Amino acid sequence: MFRRNTQPVNESSQPVQAVERITSVLGSGVIWHGSINGSGGVRIEGAFEGEIALRGMLVIGETGRVTCENIRANTVIVAGAVRGNITTQKLEIRASGRVWGDVVTTAFVTEDGAFLRGQIRMEEAVELDLEPAPETTPSEAALAESASAEPEPEPKPKKSPRTKKTTKK
């Protein structure tokens, strides 16, 4: 009648997901103009202006400042400032986060004190229109190409074992 539950209790009702890792960091003293695309996790603590299309997680830290027409990433966490639209599967705006732009997402989380000036459109599924993940990185492809450009040395002919010639008298 009063049995103890022996199964662990999961505090959140959502299934536990694999933790996405940050593989690249744009430091707080860095100002970058250009584009970030590919796969992996990126954390921005400096200033970035350009295009972001990322298969993975994008974290804009408290000192991060991003200006981008449309950020596209699987997961976006904003603790700094973003000026531009965001298309993502999951958006989280922390208490120190500021977003000026429209959002299209399937999941939205915000902390008390977060700021958003724009519209939020929730969808059942979001298409990020990211390029397919390359099998090799550009640097790996360049190495493979340079290796194939060098002629391979021709194999030396194998010497056959010497046989003694005998003559009959």
Protein backbone atom coordinates (compact mmCIF):
# COMPACT_ATOMS: atom_id res chain seq x y z
CA MET A 1 0.00 0.00 0.00
CA PHE A 2 2.73 2.46 0.95
CA ARG A 3 5.63 1.37 -1.22
CA ARG A 4 8.68 3.45 -1.69
CA ASN A 5 9.39 4.43 -5.27
CA THR A 6 12.76 2.89 -6.10
CA GLN A 7 13.15 4.64 -9.46
CA PRO A 8 15.05 7.94 -9.48
CA VAL A 9 12.87 11.00 -9.87
CA ASN A 10 13.70 13.29 -12.79
CA GLU A 11 13.04 16.89 -11.70
CA SER A 12 12.17 18.06 -15.19
CA SER A 13 9.49 16.41 -17.27
CA GLN A 14 11.67 16.56 -20.39
CA PRO A 15 13.91 13.63 -21.30
CA VAL A 16 17.60 14.08 -20.55
CA GLN A 17 19.47 15.16 -23.68
CA ALA A 18 23.13 14.87 -24.49
CA VAL A 19 25.08 17.96 -23.47
CA GLU A 20 26.31 19.95 -26.44
CA ARG A 21 29.92 21.05 -26.12
CA ILE A 22 31.53 24.38 -26.86
CA THR A 23 34.40 23.78 -29.28
CA SER A 24 35.31 27.38 -30.19
CA VAL A 25 35.45 30.65 -28.25
CA LEU A 26 35.60 34.23 -29.50
CA GLY A 27 37.26 36.00 -26.56
CA SER A 28 36.11 39.18 -24.87
CA GLY A 29 38.83 41.35 -26.39
CA VAL A 30 38.15 40.22 -29.97
CA ILE A 31 36.11 42.08 -32.61
CA TRP A 32 35.20 39.86 -35.58
CA HIS A 33 33.54 40.75 -38.90
CA GLY A 34 32.63 37.81 -41.13
CA SER A 35 30.73 34.57 -40.96
CA ILE A 36 30.54 31.54 -38.71
CA ASN A 37 29.19 28.36 -40.28
CA GLY A 38 29.71 24.68 -39.77
CA SER A 39 29.05 22.34 -36.89
CA GLY A 40 30.05 22.43 -33.25
CA GLY A 41 29.52 24.73 -30.31
CA VAL A 42 30.62 28.38 -30.36
CA ARG A 43 30.76 30.83 -27.46
CA ILE A 44 31.02 34.55 -28.24
CA GLU A 45 32.35 36.82 -25.48
CA GLY A 46 33.62 39.55 -27.81
CA ALA A 47 31.94 41.54 -30.58
CA PHE A 48 30.77 39.80 -33.74
CA GLU A 49 29.16 41.23 -36.86
CA GLY A 50 28.19 39.13 -39.86
CA GLU A 51 26.44 35.83 -40.58
CA ILE A 52 25.95 32.82 -38.29
CA ALA A 53 24.70 29.44 -39.58
CA LEU A 54 25.69 26.78 -37.09
CA ARG A 55 24.81 23.12 -36.67
CA GLY A 56 25.17 23.04 -32.89
CA MET A 57 25.04 25.40 -29.94
CA LEU A 58 25.67 29.15 -29.97
CA VAL A 59 26.25 30.90 -26.65
CA ILE A 60 26.48 34.67 -26.47
CA GLY A 61 28.17 35.33 -23.12
CA GLU A 62 27.52 38.31 -20.84
CA THR A 63 30.21 40.39 -22.56
CA GLY A 64 29.19 39.18 -26.04
CA ARG A 65 27.72 41.58 -28.60
CA VAL A 66 26.33 40.11 -31.85
CA THR A 67 24.92 41.97 -34.85
CA CYS A 68 23.56 39.56 -37.43
CA GLU A 69 20.72 39.73 -39.95
CA ASN A 70 19.55 36.19 -39.06
CA ILE A 71 21.22 33.82 -36.61
CA ARG A 72 20.55 30.16 -37.45
CA ALA A 73 21.64 27.49 -34.96
CA ASN A 74 20.20 24.41 -33.27
CA THR A 75 20.38 25.97 -29.79
CA VAL A 76 20.97 29.63 -28.92
CA ILE A 77 21.67 30.90 -25.40
CA VAL A 78 21.81 34.68 -24.96
CA ALA A 79 23.40 36.25 -21.88
CA GLY A 80 24.77 39.27 -23.78
CA ALA A 81 23.27 41.40 -26.56
CA VAL A 82 21.93 40.32 -29.97
CA ARG A 83 20.72 42.66 -32.69
CA GLY A 84 19.07 40.59 -35.40
CA ASN A 85 16.56 37.83 -35.99
CA ILE A 86 17.04 34.35 -34.52
CA THR A 87 15.88 31.06 -36.07
CA THR A 88 16.54 28.12 -33.76
CA GLN A 89 15.12 24.96 -32.33
CA LYS A 90 15.65 26.21 -28.76
CA LEU A 91 16.23 29.77 -27.54
CA GLU A 92 17.18 30.64 -24.00
CA ILE A 93 17.49 34.26 -22.91
CA ARG A 94 19.24 34.63 -19.55
CA ALA A 95 18.56 37.43 -17.04
CA SER A 96 21.40 39.56 -18.48
CA GLY A 97 20.40 38.79 -22.10
CA ARG A 98 19.07 41.40 -24.53
CA VAL A 99 17.57 40.62 -27.95
CA TRP A 100 16.40 43.13 -30.55
CA GLY A 101 14.82 41.10 -33.36
CA ASP A 102 12.21 38.52 -34.29
CA VAL A 103 12.44 34.91 -33.15
CA VAL A 104 11.26 31.66 -34.77
CA THR A 105 11.66 28.65 -32.48
CA THR A 106 10.15 25.42 -31.18
CA ALA A 107 11.19 25.99 -27.54
CA PHE A 108 11.63 29.25 -25.65
CA VAL A 109 13.07 29.78 -22.16
CA THR A 110 13.58 33.09 -20.42
CA GLU A 111 14.77 34.21 -17.00
CA ASP A 112 13.37 37.05 -14.94
CA GLY A 113 14.94 40.29 -16.20
CA ALA A 114 15.61 39.10 -19.78
CA PHE A 115 14.77 41.56 -22.58
CA LEU A 116 13.23 40.87 -26.00
CA ARG A 117 12.02 43.52 -28.42
CA GLY A 118 10.47 41.73 -31.36
CA GLN A 119 7.99 39.00 -32.16
CA ILE A 120 8.15 35.34 -31.19
CA ARG A 121 6.71 32.75 -33.54
CA MET A 122 6.48 29.26 -32.06
CA GLU A 123 6.47 26.39 -34.56
CA GLU A 124 6.17 22.62 -34.18
CA ALA A 125 9.33 22.23 -36.29
CA VAL A 126 11.89 24.77 -37.46
CA GLU A 127 13.88 24.32 -40.67
CA LEU A 128 17.30 25.95 -40.24
CA ASP A 129 18.34 25.52 -43.92
CA LEU A 130 21.91 24.73 -42.96
CA GLU A 131 24.34 23.32 -45.49
CA PRO A 132 25.03 19.61 -45.11
CA ALA A 133 27.86 18.84 -42.71
CA PRO A 134 31.08 18.23 -44.63
CA GLU A 135 32.79 14.88 -44.16
CA THR A 136 36.10 16.69 -43.69
CA THR A 137 37.04 20.17 -42.55
CA PRO A 138 38.50 22.58 -45.12
CA SER A 139 41.99 22.16 -43.62
CA GLU A 140 41.70 18.36 -43.79
CA ALA A 141 40.51 18.62 -47.40
CA ALA A 142 43.49 20.85 -48.26
CA LEU A 143 45.90 18.36 -46.68
CA ALA A 144 44.36 15.50 -48.63
CA GLU A 145 44.53 17.50 -51.85
CA SER A 146 48.19 18.45 -51.37
CA ALA A 147 49.07 14.84 -50.58
CA SER A 148 47.42 13.64 -53.76
CA ALA A 149 49.20 16.32 -55.81
CA GLU A 150 52.64 14.97 -54.88
CA PRO A 151 53.69 12.12 -57.15
CA GLU A 152 54.19 8.89 -55.30
CA PRO A 153 57.62 7.34 -55.78
CA GLU A 154 57.60 4.35 -58.07
CA PRO A 155 58.16 1.10 -56.26
CA LYS A 156 61.58 -0.41 -56.79
CA PRO A 157 61.55 -3.68 -58.71
CA LYS A 158 62.01 -6.64 -56.45
CA LYS A 159 65.18 -8.56 -56.93
CA SER A 160 64.66 -12.19 -57.65
CA PRO A 161 66.70 -14.64 -55.65
CA ARG A 162 69.90 -15.53 -57.45
CA THR A 163 70.23 -18.99 -58.73
CA LYS A 164 73.52 -20.56 -59.46
CA LYS A 165 74.01 -21.68 -62.98
CA THR A 166 75.56 -24.99 -63.32
CA THR A 167 76.85 -26.35 -66.53
CA LYS A 168 77.14 -30.02 -67.32
CA LYS A 169 80.34 -31.27 -68.84
